[in-house]
Protein backbone atom coordinates (compact mmCIF):
# COMPACT_ATOMS: atom_id res chain seq x y z
CA MET A 1 -3.78 -4.99 13.95
CA ASN A 2 -3.45 -2.12 11.75
CA TRP A 3 -1.10 -2.55 8.63
CA ARG A 4 -0.98 -0.54 5.54
CA VAL A 5 1.45 -1.10 2.43
CA ALA A 6 1.89 2.49 1.45
CA LEU A 7 1.34 3.52 -2.35
CA LEU A 8 4.02 5.88 -3.79
CA LEU A 9 3.41 8.65 -5.86
CA SER A 10 5.15 7.76 -8.96
CA ALA A 11 5.61 9.47 -12.51
CA LEU A 12 6.06 5.98 -14.45
CA LEU A 13 4.75 7.04 -18.00
CA CYS A 14 2.79 4.68 -20.03
CA GLY A 15 1.79 4.69 -24.38
CA ALA A 16 3.10 2.81 -27.55
CA ALA A 17 5.89 0.19 -27.01
CA ARG A 18 8.03 2.75 -28.77
CA GLN A 19 7.03 6.11 -26.37
CA VAL A 20 7.78 3.89 -23.23
CA ALA A 21 11.31 2.58 -24.90
CA ALA A 22 12.44 6.46 -25.06
CA SER A 23 10.82 7.13 -21.80
CA ASP A 24 12.85 4.35 -20.25
CA GLN A 25 16.18 5.94 -21.81
CA TRP A 26 15.20 9.41 -20.04
CA ARG A 27 14.03 8.38 -16.93
CA THR A 28 17.30 6.66 -16.53
CA ALA A 29 19.65 9.02 -18.19
CA HIS A 30 21.22 10.14 -14.87
CA LEU A 31 22.12 6.92 -13.75
CA ARG A 32 24.37 6.74 -16.82
CA GLY A 33 25.80 10.54 -16.59
CA GLU A 34 23.92 11.37 -19.80
CA CYS A 35 21.08 14.13 -18.80
CA GLU A 36 22.51 16.55 -21.49
CA SER A 37 21.54 14.45 -24.12
CA ALA A 38 18.67 13.32 -22.49
CA LEU A 39 17.43 16.59 -21.67
CA THR A 40 17.76 18.23 -25.30
CA GLU A 41 15.59 14.84 -26.33
CA ALA A 42 13.04 15.42 -23.85
CA ARG A 43 13.01 19.28 -24.25
CA ALA A 44 12.40 18.59 -28.06
CA ALA A 45 9.94 16.00 -27.89
CA ALA A 46 7.84 18.37 -25.37
CA ASP A 47 7.98 21.44 -27.48
CA ALA A 48 6.38 18.89 -30.13
CA GLY A 49 3.63 18.45 -27.67
CA SER A 50 4.65 14.81 -26.41
CA ALA A 51 2.80 13.98 -23.56
CA GLU A 52 5.09 11.28 -22.03
CA ALA A 53 8.16 13.99 -22.56
CA LEU A 54 6.05 16.33 -20.40
CA LEU A 55 5.56 14.09 -18.24
CA GLN A 56 9.16 13.22 -18.00
CA LEU A 57 10.02 16.78 -17.47
CA SER A 58 7.75 16.55 -14.39
CA ASP A 59 9.33 13.21 -12.79
CA TRP A 60 12.97 14.76 -13.06
CA HIS A 61 11.95 17.91 -11.09
CA PHE A 62 9.61 16.24 -8.83
CA PHE A 63 12.85 13.55 -7.56
CA GLY A 64 15.55 16.42 -8.66
CA THR A 65 17.32 14.60 -11.20
CA CYS A 66 18.71 15.57 -14.42
CA LEU A 67 17.17 19.12 -13.57
CA ASP A 68 16.95 20.70 -10.07
CA LYS A 69 14.43 19.70 -7.17
CA ASP A 70 11.26 22.15 -7.98
CA ASP A 71 7.68 21.19 -7.03
CA ILE A 72 6.01 23.94 -8.52
CA ALA A 73 7.76 23.76 -12.12
CA SER A 74 6.85 19.60 -11.91
CA ALA A 75 3.60 20.38 -11.17
CA ARG A 76 3.36 22.58 -14.22
CA PHE A 77 4.58 20.23 -16.85
CA ALA A 78 2.62 17.75 -15.09
CA MET A 79 -0.21 19.64 -15.61
CA GLN A 80 0.34 20.32 -19.47
CA ALA A 81 0.91 16.31 -19.87
CA ALA A 82 -2.63 15.96 -18.11
CA GLN A 83 -4.16 18.29 -19.89
CA GLY A 84 -2.65 16.61 -23.40
CA GLY A 85 -4.69 13.64 -22.52
CA LEU A 86 -2.13 11.59 -20.71
CA PRO A 87 -4.13 9.31 -18.34
CA ARG A 88 -1.27 8.83 -16.26
CA ALA A 89 -0.39 12.47 -16.02
CA GLN A 90 -3.93 12.89 -15.28
CA ALA A 91 -3.45 10.25 -12.33
CA VAL A 92 -0.01 12.60 -11.05
CA VAL A 93 -2.07 15.66 -10.99
CA GLY A 94 -4.99 14.23 -8.91
CA GLN A 95 -2.00 13.25 -6.37
CA LEU A 96 -0.50 16.54 -6.23
CA TYR A 97 -4.27 18.33 -5.70
CA ALA A 98 -4.47 15.38 -2.79
CA SER A 99 -1.19 16.15 -1.57
CA GLY A 100 -0.50 19.80 -1.79
CA LEU A 101 2.68 19.59 -3.37
CA GLY A 102 3.61 22.24 -6.01
CA VAL A 103 -0.03 23.49 -6.24
CA GLU A 104 -3.08 24.61 -3.33
CA ARG A 105 -4.41 21.56 -2.03
CA ASP A 106 -7.89 20.80 -3.52
CA ASP A 107 -9.47 17.52 -3.27
CA ALA A 108 -12.05 18.60 -5.99
CA GLU A 109 -9.81 18.98 -8.20
CA ALA A 110 -8.06 15.74 -7.08
CA ARG A 111 -11.11 13.44 -7.65
CA ARG A 112 -11.54 14.90 -11.06
CA TRP A 113 -8.40 14.49 -12.37
CA TYR A 114 -8.23 10.94 -10.72
CA LEU A 115 -11.85 10.31 -12.16
CA LEU A 116 -10.66 11.39 -15.65
CA ALA A 117 -7.65 9.22 -15.48
CA ALA A 118 -9.63 6.17 -14.41
CA ASP A 119 -12.65 6.53 -16.43
CA ALA A 120 -9.66 6.31 -19.09
CA GLY A 121 -8.16 2.95 -18.11
CA ASP A 122 -5.68 3.84 -15.75
CA ALA A 123 -5.98 0.85 -13.17
CA GLU A 124 -3.58 2.97 -10.68
CA ALA A 125 -5.67 5.66 -10.74
CA MET A 126 -8.90 3.58 -10.34
CA LEU A 127 -7.35 2.93 -6.65
CA LEU A 128 -5.95 6.52 -5.68
CA LEU A 129 -9.59 7.39 -6.98
CA ALA A 130 -11.20 4.51 -4.50
CA ARG A 131 -8.98 5.49 -1.58
CA HIS A 132 -9.83 9.17 -2.07
CA LEU A 133 -13.72 8.73 -1.74
CA GLU A 134 -13.11 6.54 1.27
CA ALA A 135 -11.85 9.43 3.05
CA ASP A 136 -15.17 11.15 2.41
CA THR A 137 -17.10 10.33 5.55
CA SER A 138 -19.71 12.99 4.58
CA ASN A 139 -21.39 10.98 1.85
CA PRO A 140 -23.19 7.57 2.58
CA VAL A 141 -22.55 6.40 -0.66
CA ALA A 142 -18.82 7.09 -0.94
CA ALA A 143 -17.65 3.85 0.67
CA ASP A 144 -19.37 1.66 -2.01
CA VAL A 145 -18.50 3.63 -4.88
CA ALA A 146 -14.80 3.07 -3.82
CA LEU A 147 -15.20 -0.65 -2.79
CA ALA A 148 -16.23 -0.45 -6.38
CA TRP A 149 -13.07 1.47 -8.00
CA ALA A 150 -10.54 -0.74 -5.90
CA ASN A 151 -12.52 -3.91 -7.31
CA ARG A 152 -12.34 -2.57 -11.43
CA SER A 153 -8.27 -1.91 -10.24
CA ALA A 154 -7.98 -5.20 -8.89
CA GLU A 155 -9.95 -6.42 -12.18
CA ALA A 156 -7.42 -4.76 -14.44
CA GLY A 157 -4.52 -6.78 -12.85
CA TYR A 158 -3.31 -3.55 -10.28
CA ALA A 159 -1.65 -5.87 -7.78
CA PRO A 160 -1.74 -2.65 -5.11
CA ALA A 161 -5.32 -3.02 -5.38
CA PHE A 162 -5.03 -6.64 -4.11
CA VAL A 163 -3.72 -5.75 -0.77
CA HIS A 164 -5.56 -2.62 -0.51
CA LEU A 165 -8.70 -4.97 -0.94
CA ALA A 166 -7.36 -7.10 1.44
CA GLN A 167 -7.32 -4.45 3.78
CA LEU A 168 -10.52 -3.64 3.92
CA TYR A 169 -11.36 -7.14 5.26
CA SER A 170 -8.82 -7.38 7.49
CA GLY A 171 -9.82 -4.29 10.10
CA GLY A 172 -11.24 -6.07 12.95
CA GLY A 173 -14.65 -3.85 11.88
CA ALA A 174 -18.34 -4.39 10.23
CA GLN A 175 -16.62 -5.38 6.84
CA THR A 176 -14.04 -7.87 8.05
CA ASP A 177 -13.62 -10.91 6.39
CA TYR A 178 -10.45 -12.62 6.68
CA ALA A 179 -10.96 -15.53 4.09
CA LYS A 180 -11.37 -12.66 1.41
CA ALA A 181 -8.45 -10.85 3.09
CA ALA A 182 -6.20 -13.88 2.11
CA GLN A 183 -7.70 -14.84 -1.07
CA TRP A 184 -6.53 -11.12 -2.32
CA LEU A 185 -3.41 -11.56 -0.68
CA ASP A 186 -2.69 -14.89 -2.40
CA ARG A 187 -3.52 -12.81 -5.47
CA SER A 188 -0.64 -10.36 -4.86
CA ILE A 189 1.55 -13.22 -3.61
CA GLU A 190 1.18 -14.97 -7.06
CA SER A 191 1.27 -12.15 -8.95
CA GLY A 192 4.98 -10.99 -7.08
CA TYR A 193 3.82 -7.94 -4.98
CA LYS A 194 4.64 -9.74 -1.86
CA ASP A 195 6.45 -7.21 0.26
CA ASN A 196 6.86 -7.45 3.94
CA GLY A 197 3.74 -5.71 4.69
CA VAL A 198 2.10 -8.14 2.63
CA TRP A 199 3.40 -11.15 4.49
CA VAL A 200 2.26 -9.58 7.66
CA ALA A 201 -1.15 -8.91 6.47
CA TYR A 202 -0.87 -12.51 5.18
CA SER A 203 0.11 -14.31 8.14
CA TRP A 204 -2.82 -11.99 10.10
CA ALA A 205 -5.49 -13.08 7.83
CA CYS A 206 -3.97 -17.33 8.38
CA LEU A 207 -4.12 -16.65 11.70
CA ASN A 208 -7.72 -15.72 12.14
CA LEU A 209 -8.49 -18.43 9.79
CA GLY A 210 -6.87 -21.14 11.89
CA ARG A 211 -4.33 -21.49 9.13
CA TYR A 212 -1.15 -21.74 11.64
CA ASP A 213 1.24 -23.71 9.55
CA ASP A 214 0.59 -20.66 6.40
CA VAL A 215 1.55 -18.16 9.35
CA LEU A 216 4.62 -19.76 10.28
CA ARG A 217 5.42 -19.64 6.65
CA ALA A 218 4.79 -16.58 6.14
CA ALA A 219 6.40 -14.96 9.12
CA ASP A 220 9.67 -16.54 7.90
CA GLN A 221 9.81 -14.62 4.86
CA VAL A 222 10.25 -11.32 6.80
CA PRO A 223 13.63 -10.56 7.55
CA LYS A 224 14.87 -9.76 11.05
CA GLU A 225 16.11 -6.36 9.94
CA ALA A 226 12.83 -5.20 8.80
CA ALA A 227 10.61 -2.65 10.44
CA GLU A 228 7.92 -5.04 10.10
CA TYR A 229 9.89 -8.06 11.54
CA LYS A 230 8.44 -7.56 15.19
CA ALA A 231 4.64 -7.69 13.42
CA ALA A 232 5.35 -10.68 11.90
CA GLN A 233 7.17 -12.56 14.95
CA ILE A 234 4.23 -11.92 17.20
CA ASN A 235 2.04 -13.35 14.68
CA ARG A 236 4.06 -16.30 15.07
CA ALA A 237 3.55 -16.26 18.73
CA HIS A 238 -0.24 -16.31 18.39
CA ALA A 239 -0.17 -19.05 15.81
CA LEU A 240 2.31 -21.03 18.34
CA LEU A 241 0.16 -20.39 21.13
CA LEU A 242 -3.09 -21.47 19.31
CA ASN A 243 -1.40 -24.51 18.29
CA GLY A 244 -1.22 -25.62 21.84
CA GLN A 245 2.85 -25.22 21.55
CA ILE A 246 2.79 -23.08 24.66
CA GLY A 247 5.87 -22.74 25.64
CA ASN A 248 7.66 -21.67 22.28
CA ALA A 249 4.98 -19.57 22.08
CA ARG A 250 5.89 -17.84 25.55
CA GLU A 251 9.89 -17.56 24.48
CA VAL A 252 8.69 -15.53 21.01
CA TYR A 253 6.14 -13.60 22.89
CA ALA A 254 9.12 -12.72 25.71
CA ALA A 255 11.44 -11.67 22.50
CA ASN A 256 8.64 -9.33 20.79
CA LEU A 257 8.58 -7.18 24.01
CA THR A 258 12.26 -6.76 23.92
CA LEU A 259 11.67 -5.46 20.75
CA ARG A 260 8.66 -3.19 21.05
CA GLY A 261 9.42 -1.92 24.73
CA GLU A 262 6.50 -3.09 27.67
CA ASP A 263 4.10 -0.40 26.80
CA GLU A 264 3.83 -1.60 23.08
CA PHE A 265 4.12 -4.99 23.59
CA ARG A 266 0.79 -4.88 25.97
CA ARG A 267 -1.26 -2.80 23.77
CA ILE A 268 -0.29 -5.00 20.82
CA LEU A 269 -1.27 -8.21 23.07
CA ARG A 270 -4.47 -6.97 24.30
CA ASP A 271 -5.36 -5.76 20.80
CA ASP A 272 -4.73 -8.60 18.94
CA PHE A 273 -6.17 -11.50 21.39
CA ALA A 274 -9.50 -9.26 21.61
CA GLU A 275 -9.54 -9.40 17.52
CA LEU A 276 -8.83 -13.43 17.85
CA ARG A 277 -11.52 -13.74 20.40
CA ARG A 278 -13.88 -12.02 17.93
CA SER A 279 -12.71 -14.38 14.77
CA GLY A 280 -13.59 -17.27 17.05
CA ARG A 281 -9.70 -18.37 17.96
CA ALA A 282 -10.10 -18.08 21.58
CA HIS A 283 -7.64 -20.54 23.75
CA PRO A 284 -7.33 -21.42 27.16
CA ALA A 285 -3.52 -20.72 27.31
CA MET A 286 -4.44 -17.15 25.99
CA ALA A 287 -5.30 -16.08 29.77
CA ARG A 288 -1.73 -17.48 30.84
CA ILE A 289 -0.02 -15.40 28.86
CA GLU A 290 -1.98 -12.13 29.93
CA LYS A 291 -1.19 -13.19 33.35
CA LEU A 292 2.08 -13.50 32.44
CA PHE A 293 2.73 -10.48 30.90
CA ALA A 294 0.56 -8.29 33.19
CA ILE A 295 -2.13 -8.04 30.22
CA GLY A 296 -5.95 -7.47 31.55
CA ALA A 297 -7.99 -9.92 29.98
CA ASP A 298 -10.52 -8.50 26.86
CA PRO A 299 -14.02 -8.33 28.74
CA GLN A 300 -15.73 -9.54 25.55
């Protein structure tokens, strides 16, 4: 099963408590219709050398609030804030170079800025650096270095790092360890970071561990209107099947076929059954379900 919890580009500010309070006022000014006064305050602070104010101006240009949407201007202000030594801004500049937003895409520059922010203790930058390094298939040690940075981010309490580490252990490959995946997802849920993608990932890890009641509880957390609902429901069907509730499972599978369409449903069912068999979760009823829905059994 492939799943990913997206990490969104943000321009959150960090600093002393007094600076954060001021920045919060700046960041939400457009919601209160106070852009003019907030801009005056932010520009004055930026002119005085405030990296937080510079990053806020970047944020407004990036999202098109209080200032016109302008990726180039956003990148310019973010760069000034980053050069001023603000780790949060350095992480943002790394993201801009990685994506080519407002600047020419440059992976080496992205990595350099991520590393500066990560070395300064920014937990999100640590995870961004880890993900960036993972993509470097030409470097034989990149994966190990990436894992070290992801762990540092998690140790700093950054909840998306919990999810990222769980993803690494849930891929169905050589690194697969569903017990570790479930442990990291437990930490994510305990920390309050438990969106629909997390619940689907947790249900999948528990499924491969034989924790069928936990699968059902996790699947129940995903509402019908969510895009992740069909993934949660097929995990529910798997749990019912493996727990011997074959009739109930068949009904949920049939509903999932309607949600997905025949081609997608058959592909997902085939892939899921193959991974469950590799996890030692084979069940005689799988063959019956495959025959019912015209799925070729995995030769392994």
